[in-house]
Protein backbone atom coordinates (compact mmCIF):
# COMPACT_ATOMS: atom_id res chain seq x y z
CA UNK A 1 91.93 122.13 114.11
CA UNK A 2 94.05 121.12 117.11
CA UNK A 3 95.20 124.73 117.55
CA UNK A 4 91.58 125.89 117.58
CA UNK A 5 90.69 123.36 120.27
CA UNK A 6 93.73 124.37 122.34
CA UNK A 7 92.74 128.05 121.99
CA UNK A 8 89.19 127.29 123.21
CA UNK A 9 90.54 125.28 126.16
CA UNK A 10 92.93 128.10 127.12
CA UNK A 11 90.15 130.69 126.75
CA UNK A 12 88.07 128.62 129.19
CA UNK A 13 90.83 128.88 131.81
CA UNK A 14 92.09 125.34 131.31
CA UNK A 15 95.43 125.93 129.58
CA UNK A 16 97.47 122.73 129.50
CA UNK A 17 100.89 124.38 129.57
CA UNK A 18 100.82 124.85 133.36
CA UNK A 19 99.77 121.26 134.05
CA UNK A 20 101.85 118.77 135.94
CA UNK A 21 100.03 116.26 133.78
CA UNK A 22 96.65 115.36 132.43
CA UNK A 23 95.96 111.92 133.80
CA UNK A 24 95.47 108.91 131.61
CA UNK A 25 95.31 106.63 134.65
CA UNK A 26 93.33 106.98 137.83
CA UNK A 27 94.71 107.74 141.26
CA UNK A 28 94.05 104.35 142.78
CA UNK A 29 94.50 103.46 146.43
CA UNK A 30 92.59 100.18 146.12
CA UNK A 31 95.68 98.34 144.87
CA UNK A 32 98.15 100.08 147.15
CA UNK A 33 98.78 99.96 150.86
CA UNK A 34 95.99 102.42 151.63
CA UNK A 35 92.85 101.00 153.23
CA UNK A 36 90.66 103.77 151.75
CA UNK A 37 89.80 101.70 148.67
CA UNK A 38 88.73 104.67 146.57
CA UNK A 39 89.64 105.54 142.99
CA UNK A 40 89.48 108.80 141.09
CA UNK A 41 90.78 110.59 138.05
CA UNK A 42 90.85 114.38 138.09
CA UNK A 43 90.91 116.21 134.78
CA UNK A 44 94.26 117.78 135.58
CA UNK A 45 96.93 117.92 138.26
CA UNK A 46 98.89 121.11 138.80
CA UNK A 47 102.16 121.44 140.69
CA UNK A 48 102.25 124.54 142.88
CA UNK A 49 105.47 124.60 144.87
CA UNK A 50 105.60 121.35 146.84
CA UNK A 51 101.89 120.66 146.35
CA UNK A 52 99.97 118.70 143.74
CA UNK A 53 96.56 120.33 143.20
CA UNK A 54 93.66 118.46 141.55
CA UNK A 55 91.56 120.31 139.02
CA UNK A 56 88.13 119.18 137.87
CA UNK A 57 86.40 120.77 134.87
CA UNK A 58 82.64 121.30 134.97
CA UNK A 59 82.14 123.15 131.66
CA UNK A 60 78.34 123.19 131.84
CA UNK A 61 78.07 124.21 135.52
CA UNK A 62 77.43 127.90 136.19
CA UNK A 63 78.08 127.57 139.93
CA UNK A 64 79.77 125.15 142.29
CA UNK A 65 77.66 122.60 144.14
CA UNK A 66 78.52 120.53 147.21
CA UNK A 67 79.02 117.30 145.19
CA UNK A 68 81.67 119.16 143.14
CA UNK A 69 83.46 120.02 146.39
CA UNK A 70 83.26 116.40 147.55
CA UNK A 71 84.66 115.15 144.25
CA UNK A 72 87.67 117.48 144.42
CA UNK A 73 88.16 116.64 148.10
CA UNK A 74 88.20 112.92 147.22
CA UNK A 75 91.00 113.66 144.75
CA UNK A 76 92.83 115.55 147.50
CA UNK A 77 92.59 112.48 149.76
CA UNK A 78 94.02 110.30 146.98
CA UNK A 79 96.83 112.77 146.26
CA UNK A 80 97.67 112.95 149.96
CA UNK A 81 97.93 109.15 150.10
CA UNK A 82 99.91 108.82 146.88
CA UNK A 83 102.39 111.70 147.29
CA UNK A 84 102.45 111.97 151.13
CA UNK A 85 101.78 115.73 150.91
CA UNK A 86 98.35 117.14 151.71
CA UNK A 87 97.04 119.58 149.07
CA UNK A 88 95.75 122.83 150.61
CA UNK A 89 92.89 122.96 148.10
CA UNK A 90 91.47 121.65 144.85
CA UNK A 91 90.10 123.62 141.91
CA UNK A 92 86.79 123.37 140.06
CA UNK A 93 86.70 125.10 136.67
CA UNK A 94 83.16 126.18 135.80
CA UNK A 95 81.53 127.30 132.56
CA UNK A 96 83.30 130.29 131.06
CA UNK A 97 86.57 129.34 132.76
CA UNK A 98 85.73 130.59 136.27
CA UNK A 99 88.15 128.88 138.66
CA UNK A 100 86.86 128.12 142.16
CA UNK A 101 89.29 127.00 144.86
CA UNK A 102 87.88 124.43 147.27
CA UNK A 103 89.80 124.46 150.58
CA UNK A 104 90.72 120.93 151.65
CA UNK A 105 89.65 121.22 155.27
CA UNK A 106 89.68 118.51 157.92
CA UNK A 107 85.87 118.64 157.93
CA UNK A 108 85.64 118.06 154.16
CA UNK A 109 88.20 115.25 154.39
CA UNK A 110 86.16 113.55 157.13
CA UNK A 111 82.99 113.91 155.08
CA UNK A 112 84.61 112.25 152.04
CA UNK A 113 85.90 109.35 154.15
CA UNK A 114 82.51 108.94 155.87
CA UNK A 115 80.69 108.83 152.53
CA UNK A 116 83.22 106.35 151.13
CA UNK A 117 82.65 104.07 154.12
CA UNK A 118 78.85 104.32 153.74
CA UNK A 119 79.17 103.33 150.09
CA UNK A 120 81.31 100.32 151.03
CA UNK A 121 78.76 99.38 153.72
CA UNK A 122 75.89 99.51 151.22
CA UNK A 123 77.89 97.45 148.73
CA UNK A 124 78.48 94.79 151.39
CA UNK A 125 74.73 94.66 152.04
CA UNK A 126 74.07 94.20 148.32
CA UNK A 127 76.35 91.16 148.34
CA UNK A 128 74.41 89.52 151.20
CA UNK A 129 71.98 86.79 150.28
CA UNK A 130 68.33 87.68 150.81
CA UNK A 131 66.58 84.94 152.76
CA UNK A 132 63.47 83.55 151.05
CA UNK A 133 60.31 83.63 153.13
CA UNK A 134 57.52 81.10 152.72
CA UNK A 135 54.43 83.21 152.12
CA UNK A 136 52.10 80.21 151.86
CA UNK A 137 51.11 81.19 148.31
CA UNK A 138 51.35 78.44 145.75
CA UNK A 139 52.38 79.51 142.28
CA UNK A 140 50.90 77.27 139.61
CA UNK A 141 52.95 76.32 136.62
CA UNK A 142 52.22 78.78 133.83
CA UNK A 143 50.87 81.43 136.20
CA UNK A 144 51.46 84.89 134.90
CA UNK A 145 51.98 83.70 131.34
CA UNK A 146 49.71 84.73 128.54
CA UNK A 147 49.63 83.18 125.12
CA UNK A 148 49.61 85.65 122.28
CA UNK A 149 48.73 84.79 118.66
């Protein structure tokens, strides 16, 4: 049964034998020295020369979408911070095993960092207390309740 699963994975272009490792832990900069405070866990990391390349599997996707590119680029940012070497690209593996390289450009890196900051900004706003306003409406005890038999 395990051999059959391995055969299907390899047929889909996701052979594990060329992996640096399949992660059991996330790449986490929140606990380290990096101020990015983002976390991610790619499906696989591949060593190509001096580079560590993230690979993300999207087995039901027939084509690559921009959010897929952003996800792989976020992994590239984390890898750059963790290993001090910038990956030239990430890989998205689509349905049928099609492998799409996503170049890790300065523009894509900036977009990931901008989105991460916007998310942090929105989270800070969610933590703020909402001031109560006096609307002048008096709510009577029991208002809005209905007794059911």
